[in-house]
Amino acid sequence: MPHAPRGPAFCPLLSYEVNSTSDVLRRSAALRFRREQDCSLMEWRTLALIEHLQPVTLRALTDYSSTDKAQISRIVTGLVGRGMVRRRAHRTDARSAELALTAAGTRTLAGLVAAARDRDRALREVLSAEEAEQLVAALNKLKARAQELIAQEEEALAARG
């Protein structure tokens, strides 16, 4: 009797399911944010972080976001060029600059937040309140375990010398 074709070895893995779902969620958000506000996901996150931390230095923004400094720098430069972020000399450190949202950046962020909340409502519609709570709790457990595994792998690599 012929065997049914097997999928790739990664398909039954929990990490694949989580990543695959995350990819679809990210893609749907990216399309909406681009259509409504002409912003990428990274631009949206950067605007939100600047708004939360302002005035903020590029270094602090990079540290807070855990994103590559060169990538954040390119995003900020683009947002400055589009008039959404203001860059001015740091009050006490001549080598640094402070970033803050402009009025245009604040309006764009408000539109992005509204779109994100609308998407969140649409996603939650397919889950009961209990299912949504369970999903968040399960994702938090997985994240904590993954962080433990990272620490174990880093220790193992350090032990190899």
Protein backbone atom coordinates (compact mmCIF):
# COMPACT_ATOMS: atom_id res chain seq x y z
CA MET A 1 0.00 0.00 0.00
CA PRO A 2 1.53 3.37 -0.98
CA HIS A 3 2.32 5.82 1.79
CA ALA A 4 0.77 9.25 1.79
CA PRO A 5 3.37 11.89 0.91
CA ARG A 6 5.02 13.23 4.01
CA GLY A 7 5.51 16.93 4.44
CA PRO A 8 8.84 18.49 5.31
CA ALA A 9 10.25 17.45 8.68
CA PHE A 10 9.58 20.91 10.18
CA CYS A 11 5.81 20.89 9.55
CA PRO A 12 4.76 19.10 12.75
CA LEU A 13 7.01 21.27 14.94
CA LEU A 14 5.32 23.67 17.35
CA SER A 15 7.84 26.38 16.51
CA TYR A 16 6.88 26.09 12.83
CA GLU A 17 3.18 26.53 13.63
CA VAL A 18 3.87 29.60 15.79
CA ASN A 19 6.22 31.13 13.19
CA SER A 20 3.87 30.37 10.32
CA THR A 21 0.98 32.04 12.14
CA SER A 22 3.18 34.98 13.06
CA ASP A 23 4.23 35.40 9.42
CA VAL A 24 0.59 35.56 8.26
CA LEU A 25 -0.35 38.03 11.01
CA ARG A 26 2.66 40.21 10.17
CA ARG A 27 1.89 40.15 6.44
CA SER A 28 -1.75 41.14 6.92
CA ALA A 29 -0.72 44.01 9.22
CA ALA A 30 1.99 45.15 6.81
CA LEU A 31 -0.48 45.31 3.92
CA ARG A 32 -3.02 47.31 5.89
CA PHE A 33 -0.47 49.74 7.34
CA ARG A 34 1.05 50.32 3.90
CA ARG A 35 -2.39 50.86 2.32
CA GLU A 36 -3.76 53.17 5.00
CA GLN A 37 -0.71 55.09 6.25
CA ASP A 38 2.08 54.27 3.77
CA CYS A 39 4.16 52.82 6.62
CA SER A 40 6.00 49.56 7.08
CA LEU A 41 5.73 47.47 10.25
CA MET A 42 9.17 48.63 11.36
CA GLU A 43 8.20 52.25 10.77
CA TRP A 44 5.03 51.74 12.83
CA ARG A 45 6.96 50.16 15.68
CA THR A 46 9.62 52.86 15.52
CA LEU A 47 7.04 55.65 15.60
CA ALA A 48 5.32 54.00 18.56
CA LEU A 49 8.61 53.61 20.44
CA ILE A 50 9.67 57.20 19.76
CA GLU A 51 6.28 58.41 20.97
CA HIS A 52 6.61 56.30 24.12
CA LEU A 53 10.21 57.32 24.91
CA GLN A 54 10.48 60.86 23.48
CA PRO A 55 12.71 62.64 23.51
CA VAL A 56 14.92 59.62 22.81
CA THR A 57 18.38 59.06 21.40
CA LEU A 58 19.02 56.62 18.58
CA ARG A 59 21.09 54.48 20.95
CA ALA A 60 18.29 54.29 23.53
CA LEU A 61 15.81 53.49 20.77
CA THR A 62 18.08 50.72 19.50
CA ASP A 63 18.56 49.29 22.99
CA TYR A 64 14.84 49.38 23.76
CA SER A 65 13.81 47.81 20.47
CA SER A 66 16.53 45.13 20.38
CA THR A 67 16.95 45.96 16.70
CA ASP A 68 20.15 46.43 14.74
CA LYS A 69 21.45 50.01 15.05
CA ALA A 70 21.99 50.36 11.29
CA GLN A 71 18.42 49.25 10.56
CA ILE A 72 16.91 51.62 13.14
CA SER A 73 19.12 54.43 11.81
CA ARG A 74 17.83 53.87 8.25
CA ILE A 75 14.22 53.80 9.45
CA VAL A 76 14.65 56.98 11.51
CA THR A 77 16.38 58.75 8.61
CA GLY A 78 13.43 57.86 6.38
CA LEU A 79 10.91 59.05 8.98
CA VAL A 80 12.84 62.31 9.41
CA GLY A 81 12.85 62.77 5.62
CA ARG A 82 9.09 62.21 5.49
CA GLY A 83 8.53 64.80 8.21
CA MET A 84 7.27 62.37 10.85
CA VAL A 85 10.24 62.56 13.23
CA ARG A 86 12.25 65.59 14.34
CA ARG A 87 15.95 65.17 15.06
CA ARG A 88 17.68 67.88 17.08
CA ALA A 89 20.94 68.26 18.98
CA HIS A 90 21.03 66.56 22.36
CA ARG A 91 20.91 69.00 25.24
CA THR A 92 23.96 67.59 27.04
CA ASP A 93 25.76 65.29 24.57
CA ALA A 94 27.06 66.98 21.43
CA ARG A 95 27.72 63.57 19.79
CA SER A 96 24.08 62.55 20.04
CA ALA A 97 20.68 63.73 18.82
CA GLU A 98 17.23 63.56 20.34
CA LEU A 99 14.29 62.22 18.40
CA ALA A 100 10.65 63.17 18.82
CA LEU A 101 7.48 62.89 16.75
CA THR A 102 6.30 65.83 14.69
CA ALA A 103 2.61 66.67 14.35
CA ALA A 104 2.57 64.62 11.12
CA GLY A 105 4.19 61.70 12.93
CA THR A 106 1.63 61.92 15.72
CA ARG A 107 -1.25 61.89 13.19
CA THR A 108 0.26 58.94 11.32
CA LEU A 109 0.79 57.03 14.55
CA ALA A 110 -2.83 57.68 15.59
CA GLY A 111 -3.98 56.16 12.29
CA LEU A 112 -1.68 53.17 12.75
CA VAL A 113 -2.89 52.60 16.31
CA ALA A 114 -6.52 52.73 15.16
CA ALA A 115 -5.78 50.21 12.39
CA ALA A 116 -3.91 47.94 14.80
CA ARG A 117 -6.78 48.01 17.30
CA ASP A 118 -9.27 47.30 14.52
CA ARG A 119 -7.19 44.31 13.36
CA ASP A 120 -6.90 43.09 16.96
CA ARG A 121 -10.70 43.19 17.32
CA ALA A 122 -11.10 41.28 14.05
CA LEU A 123 -8.66 38.61 15.20
CA ARG A 124 -10.26 38.30 18.64
CA GLU A 125 -13.69 37.78 17.00
CA VAL A 126 -12.75 34.20 16.14
CA LEU A 127 -11.82 33.40 19.75
CA SER A 128 -13.86 33.39 22.92
CA ALA A 129 -12.53 35.59 25.74
CA GLU A 130 -11.32 32.41 27.47
CA GLU A 131 -9.55 31.18 24.34
CA ALA A 132 -7.83 34.55 23.90
CA GLU A 133 -6.62 34.46 27.52
CA GLN A 134 -5.41 30.88 27.10
CA LEU A 135 -3.60 31.75 23.88
CA VAL A 136 -1.77 34.67 25.48
CA ALA A 137 -0.87 32.55 28.51
CA ALA A 138 0.40 29.73 26.28
CA LEU A 139 2.46 32.15 24.17
CA ASN A 140 3.99 33.63 27.33
CA LYS A 141 4.94 30.12 28.49
CA LEU A 142 6.50 29.34 25.11
CA LYS A 143 8.43 32.62 25.11
CA ALA A 144 9.77 32.00 28.61
CA ARG A 145 10.83 28.47 27.68
CA ALA A 146 12.46 29.68 24.46
CA GLN A 147 14.43 32.26 26.49
CA GLU A 148 15.61 29.44 28.78
CA LEU A 149 16.70 27.45 25.73
CA ILE A 150 18.60 30.47 24.40
CA ALA A 151 20.47 30.75 27.70
CA GLN A 152 21.29 27.03 27.61
CA GLU A 153 22.57 27.25 24.04
CA GLU A 154 24.66 30.32 24.81
CA GLU A 155 26.21 28.50 27.78
CA ALA A 156 26.92 25.45 25.64
CA LEU A 157 28.56 27.59 22.96
CA ALA A 158 30.65 29.44 25.57
CA ALA A 159 31.76 26.12 27.06
CA ARG A 160 33.01 25.01 23.63
CA GLY A 161 35.33 27.97 23.70
